[in-house]
Amino acid sequence: MSAQLSIRNLEKAFGAVKATNGANLELAAGELHAIIGPNGAGKSTLISQIAGEIRPDKGQILFAGQDITAVPAHERPRLGLARSFQVSQLYPDFSLLENVAVAIAAREGRTFGMWSPLGRDRRLLDPARQYLDQVGLGPRAEHLVSELSHGERRQLELALALAQEASVLLLDEPMAGMGAEESARMTELLMSLKGRYAILLVEHDMDAVFALADRITVLVYGQTILTGSVDEVRSNAQVRAAYLGEEHA
C-alpha cells in the first residue's frame, strides 16, 4: 500500500524536554494506524505537529508525497487532513444539524452575517444530515448540543471532521472520559469508517486499539520503538515493559 502520510525523523523540543525525538511512521491509504505509549510519550505533540498546530524543529511531514511541514494549520484540511475532537468549537445553543452545517460552510469558504440562513439552506442541511447519519446521530439532528452526553459530543465532533471531506483523520483519544458502553459505541463507529479513510488514532483504551488497528506504532520518550501488527506489539517484551504490562500480553 502507498503511504498517504509519512512522518520522517520528527523532532520537537520544549526547553530541555524532547517531546518528539526522531519519530517515524507511515499511514497507508485506508489504514487505521494506532499510536500508543505511556503518558508523556509525545503522542499528542506528534498529532499537533501533523495537524500543523505545532511546528517541528527537525524532520518532514509528507502528505500524498507532498512536503507539508511548513504548511499552516488552516490550510491542511483543504489538502485532505482533518483533526477530530479539536476540529471546531461546538455551539451548544445550536442544533446538531446547524453545527455540522457551519462546518460545511467553513469548508466551502462561506460566511454569514447572521446564523439564521443556515436553517434554510438545503445545500448545507442535506449533506449535514448525511454526516450525522454516518456517526449515528441522525435521529438527534434537531436536538441542541447542550442536550448531548459526553459520548454523543464526541460523535458530533467526528461528524464535523467528516464534513471537511478529508482523506486522513487524526483522532486524538476519542474514547477519553467515556464509560464502557460509550467506548463500545465509538469503537463500532470507527470500525465502520475503516477502509474509507486513512485514520491515525491516539488512544489509551487498549481493547479498542487491538480491535481496530491494522498497525500500531509505539512511542516512548518521543521515539518510535516499534511499528507492527497487533500480534507483534502484544508479544514484544520491550513494549510490555514500557507500557502494556502483562495483562495485555
Protein backbone atom coordinates (compact mmCIF):
# COMPACT_ATOMS: atom_id res chain seq x y z
CA MET A 1 0.00 0.00 0.00
CA SER A 2 1.20 3.52 -0.82
CA ALA A 3 1.78 5.96 2.05
CA GLN A 4 -0.89 8.62 2.42
CA LEU A 5 1.02 10.23 5.28
CA SER A 6 4.73 9.91 6.14
CA ILE A 7 6.48 11.19 9.26
CA ARG A 8 10.25 11.26 8.94
CA ASN A 9 12.62 11.84 11.87
CA LEU A 10 10.35 14.40 13.51
CA GLU A 11 11.81 16.30 16.45
CA LYS A 12 10.27 18.88 18.77
CA ALA A 13 11.81 20.18 21.99
CA PHE A 14 10.29 22.35 24.68
CA GLY A 15 13.31 23.66 26.50
CA ALA A 16 15.36 20.67 27.59
CA VAL A 17 12.47 18.24 27.04
CA LYS A 18 12.26 16.46 23.67
CA ALA A 19 8.57 15.75 23.14
CA THR A 20 9.29 14.02 19.83
CA ASN A 21 12.76 12.67 19.27
CA GLY A 22 13.16 11.20 15.80
CA ALA A 23 9.61 9.87 15.43
CA ASN A 24 8.85 7.93 12.24
CA LEU A 25 5.71 6.33 10.85
CA GLU A 26 3.77 5.80 7.66
CA LEU A 27 -0.01 5.76 7.27
CA ALA A 28 -1.27 3.89 4.22
CA ALA A 29 -4.41 4.82 2.33
CA GLY A 30 -7.42 3.21 4.03
CA GLU A 31 -5.36 2.04 7.02
CA LEU A 32 -6.24 2.52 10.69
CA HIS A 33 -2.90 3.08 12.38
CA ALA A 34 -2.82 3.49 16.16
CA ILE A 35 -0.20 5.34 18.22
CA ILE A 36 0.23 4.14 21.78
CA GLY A 37 2.63 4.85 24.61
CA PRO A 38 2.78 5.95 28.23
CA ASN A 39 1.76 9.41 29.40
CA GLY A 40 4.35 11.94 28.31
CA ALA A 41 5.47 9.83 25.36
CA GLY A 42 4.77 12.69 22.92
CA LYS A 43 1.66 11.29 21.22
CA SER A 44 -0.47 14.43 21.30
CA THR A 45 2.53 16.59 20.39
CA LEU A 46 3.09 14.38 17.37
CA ILE A 47 -0.56 14.72 16.32
CA SER A 48 -0.35 18.50 16.79
CA GLN A 49 2.68 18.65 14.51
CA ILE A 50 0.91 16.61 11.83
CA ALA A 51 -2.11 18.93 12.11
CA GLY A 52 0.15 21.97 11.79
CA GLU A 53 -0.62 23.37 15.24
CA ILE A 54 3.00 22.92 16.36
CA ARG A 55 5.98 23.46 14.05
CA PRO A 56 8.63 20.71 14.33
CA ASP A 57 12.26 21.64 14.93
CA LYS A 58 13.50 18.97 12.52
CA GLY A 59 12.13 16.33 10.20
CA GLN A 60 9.50 16.13 7.49
CA ILE A 61 5.75 15.59 7.21
CA LEU A 62 4.68 14.30 3.80
CA PHE A 63 1.05 14.13 2.70
CA ALA A 64 0.39 12.20 -0.51
CA GLY A 65 4.06 12.72 -1.34
CA GLN A 66 3.93 16.50 -0.78
CA ASP A 67 6.09 18.08 1.91
CA ILE A 68 3.61 19.92 4.17
CA THR A 69 5.98 20.53 7.10
CA ALA A 70 5.69 24.30 6.68
CA VAL A 71 2.04 24.41 5.55
CA PRO A 72 -0.10 26.40 8.03
CA ALA A 73 -2.67 24.50 10.09
CA HIS A 74 -5.67 26.24 8.50
CA GLU A 75 -4.60 25.07 5.03
CA ARG A 76 -4.12 21.39 5.87
CA PRO A 77 -7.83 20.44 5.89
CA ARG A 78 -8.06 21.70 2.31
CA LEU A 79 -5.35 19.21 1.39
CA GLY A 80 -7.40 16.39 2.96
CA LEU A 81 -6.09 16.28 6.53
CA ALA A 82 -8.59 16.70 9.39
CA ARG A 83 -8.09 16.56 13.13
CA SER A 84 -11.09 15.29 15.02
CA PHE A 85 -12.16 16.25 18.53
CA GLN A 86 -10.29 19.54 18.25
CA VAL A 87 -11.51 20.39 14.77
CA SER A 88 -14.06 23.04 15.63
CA GLN A 89 -15.71 24.57 18.63
CA LEU A 90 -19.17 23.19 19.26
CA TYR A 91 -22.00 25.69 19.52
CA PRO A 92 -24.06 24.42 22.50
CA ASP A 93 -27.14 26.53 21.73
CA PHE A 94 -27.30 25.34 18.12
CA SER A 95 -28.77 22.07 16.95
CA LEU A 96 -26.51 19.22 15.84
CA LEU A 97 -27.64 19.88 12.28
CA GLU A 98 -26.67 23.55 12.50
CA ASN A 99 -23.26 22.70 13.94
CA VAL A 100 -22.44 20.43 11.02
CA ALA A 101 -23.87 22.98 8.57
CA VAL A 102 -21.45 25.56 10.00
CA ALA A 103 -18.55 23.15 9.41
CA ILE A 104 -19.62 22.58 5.80
CA ALA A 105 -19.98 26.33 5.25
CA ALA A 106 -16.49 26.90 6.65
CA ARG A 107 -15.07 24.22 4.35
CA GLU A 108 -16.64 25.96 1.37
CA GLY A 109 -15.37 29.35 2.48
CA ARG A 110 -18.84 30.72 3.03
CA THR A 111 -19.54 33.34 5.68
CA PHE A 112 -22.77 34.61 7.14
CA GLY A 113 -23.66 37.90 8.77
CA MET A 114 -26.28 36.01 10.77
CA TRP A 115 -26.70 32.31 11.62
CA SER A 116 -30.36 32.13 10.61
CA PRO A 117 -29.75 31.37 6.89
CA LEU A 118 -28.18 28.07 7.94
CA GLY A 119 -31.59 26.79 8.94
CA ARG A 120 -32.97 27.25 5.43
CA ASP A 121 -30.06 26.37 3.15
CA ARG A 122 -30.67 22.86 1.78
CA ARG A 123 -27.20 22.84 0.21
CA LEU A 124 -25.84 22.76 3.75
CA LEU A 125 -28.56 20.91 5.64
CA ASP A 126 -28.92 17.90 3.34
CA PRO A 127 -25.23 16.89 3.49
CA ALA A 128 -25.15 17.78 7.20
CA ARG A 129 -27.85 15.16 7.82
CA GLN A 130 -25.80 12.59 5.92
CA TYR A 131 -22.75 13.21 8.11
CA LEU A 132 -24.88 12.89 11.23
CA ASP A 133 -26.29 9.63 9.90
CA GLN A 134 -22.74 8.33 9.40
CA VAL A 135 -21.92 8.81 13.08
CA GLY A 136 -25.26 7.51 14.37
CA LEU A 137 -26.74 10.87 15.35
CA GLY A 138 -29.30 11.25 12.57
CA PRO A 139 -32.31 10.83 14.90
CA ARG A 140 -30.96 13.64 17.13
CA ALA A 141 -30.28 16.12 14.33
CA GLU A 142 -32.70 18.72 15.67
CA HIS A 143 -31.54 18.46 19.29
CA LEU A 144 -29.33 21.11 20.87
CA VAL A 145 -25.68 20.28 21.51
CA SER A 146 -26.23 21.21 25.17
CA GLU A 147 -28.51 18.18 25.47
CA LEU A 148 -25.87 15.66 24.39
CA SER A 149 -23.97 13.23 26.57
CA HIS A 150 -20.17 13.27 26.55
CA GLY A 151 -20.04 10.34 24.15
CA GLU A 152 -22.54 11.95 21.80
CA ARG A 153 -20.45 15.13 21.72
CA ARG A 154 -17.51 13.00 20.60
CA GLN A 155 -19.68 11.55 17.85
CA LEU A 156 -20.70 15.04 16.76
CA GLU A 157 -17.07 16.19 16.70
CA LEU A 158 -16.31 13.25 14.43
CA ALA A 159 -19.16 14.34 12.15
CA LEU A 160 -17.52 17.78 11.95
CA ALA A 161 -14.26 16.14 10.87
CA LEU A 162 -16.05 14.06 8.22
CA ALA A 163 -17.72 17.26 6.97
CA GLN A 164 -14.30 18.51 5.92
CA GLU A 165 -14.23 15.71 3.33
CA ALA A 166 -10.69 14.77 4.31
CA SER A 167 -8.95 11.58 3.25
CA VAL A 168 -6.94 11.37 6.51
CA LEU A 169 -8.44 11.67 10.00
CA LEU A 170 -6.29 12.43 13.05
CA LEU A 171 -8.13 11.17 16.13
CA ASP A 172 -6.65 12.19 19.49
CA GLU A 173 -8.05 10.00 22.29
CA PRO A 174 -11.67 9.79 21.08
CA MET A 175 -12.65 7.49 23.96
CA ALA A 176 -11.25 9.76 26.70
CA GLY A 177 -13.75 10.17 29.54
CA MET A 178 -16.15 7.56 28.16
CA GLY A 179 -17.77 4.71 30.01
CA ALA A 180 -17.71 1.14 28.71
CA GLU A 181 -20.95 1.46 26.73
CA GLU A 182 -19.93 4.72 25.06
CA SER A 183 -16.46 3.34 24.25
CA ALA A 184 -18.03 0.28 22.64
CA ARG A 185 -20.28 2.52 20.55
CA MET A 186 -17.32 4.65 19.40
CA THR A 187 -15.32 1.51 18.58
CA GLU A 188 -18.16 0.29 16.36
CA LEU A 189 -18.35 3.70 14.69
CA LEU A 190 -14.63 3.79 13.94
CA MET A 191 -14.83 0.23 12.64
CA SER A 192 -17.48 1.39 10.17
CA LEU A 193 -15.10 4.08 8.86
CA LYS A 194 -12.16 1.71 8.33
CA GLY A 195 -11.09 1.46 4.72
CA ARG A 196 -12.99 4.61 3.74
CA TYR A 197 -10.48 6.92 5.39
CA ALA A 198 -6.86 6.68 6.46
CA ILE A 199 -7.08 7.06 10.25
CA LEU A 200 -4.30 7.88 12.69
CA LEU A 201 -5.59 7.06 16.16
CA VAL A 202 -4.08 8.03 19.52
CA GLU A 203 -5.86 6.07 22.21
CA HIS A 204 -5.28 4.66 25.72
CA ASP A 205 -8.14 2.14 25.54
CA MET A 206 -6.09 -0.88 24.52
CA ASP A 207 -9.10 -3.11 23.95
CA ALA A 208 -10.29 -0.60 21.34
CA VAL A 209 -6.81 -0.28 19.83
CA PHE A 210 -6.38 -4.03 19.47
CA ALA A 211 -9.86 -4.37 17.96
CA LEU A 212 -9.39 -1.56 15.44
CA ALA A 213 -5.77 -1.20 14.41
CA ASP A 214 -4.22 -2.58 11.25
CA ARG A 215 -0.83 -1.49 12.58
CA ILE A 216 0.42 0.11 15.78
CA THR A 217 3.32 2.47 16.43
CA VAL A 218 4.69 2.62 19.97
CA LEU A 219 6.17 5.91 21.22
CA VAL A 220 8.34 6.12 24.32
CA TYR A 221 10.02 9.42 25.25
CA GLY A 222 9.20 10.77 21.80
CA GLN A 223 10.91 7.92 19.99
CA THR A 224 9.35 5.25 17.79
CA ILE A 225 10.42 1.99 19.40
CA LEU A 226 8.26 -0.33 17.30
CA THR A 227 5.76 -0.38 14.45
CA GLY A 228 3.99 -3.63 13.78
CA SER A 229 0.81 -5.65 13.76
CA VAL A 230 -1.36 -6.13 16.84
CA ASP A 231 0.22 -9.52 17.49
CA GLU A 232 3.75 -8.16 17.09
CA VAL A 233 3.10 -5.32 19.52
CA ARG A 234 1.36 -7.52 22.10
CA SER A 235 4.17 -10.05 22.10
CA ASN A 236 7.05 -7.56 22.24
CA ALA A 237 8.82 -7.67 25.60
CA GLN A 238 10.08 -4.09 25.35
CA VAL A 239 6.57 -2.76 24.70
CA ARG A 240 5.09 -4.76 27.58
CA ALA A 241 7.78 -3.45 29.91
CA ALA A 242 7.36 0.16 28.76
CA TYR A 243 3.59 0.34 28.52
CA LEU A 244 1.28 -2.64 28.19
CA GLY A 245 2.03 -4.75 31.23
CA GLU A 246 1.32 -8.45 31.39
CA GLU A 247 -2.48 -8.13 31.29
CA HIS A 248 -2.32 -7.37 27.54
CA ALA A 249 0.28 -9.99 26.69
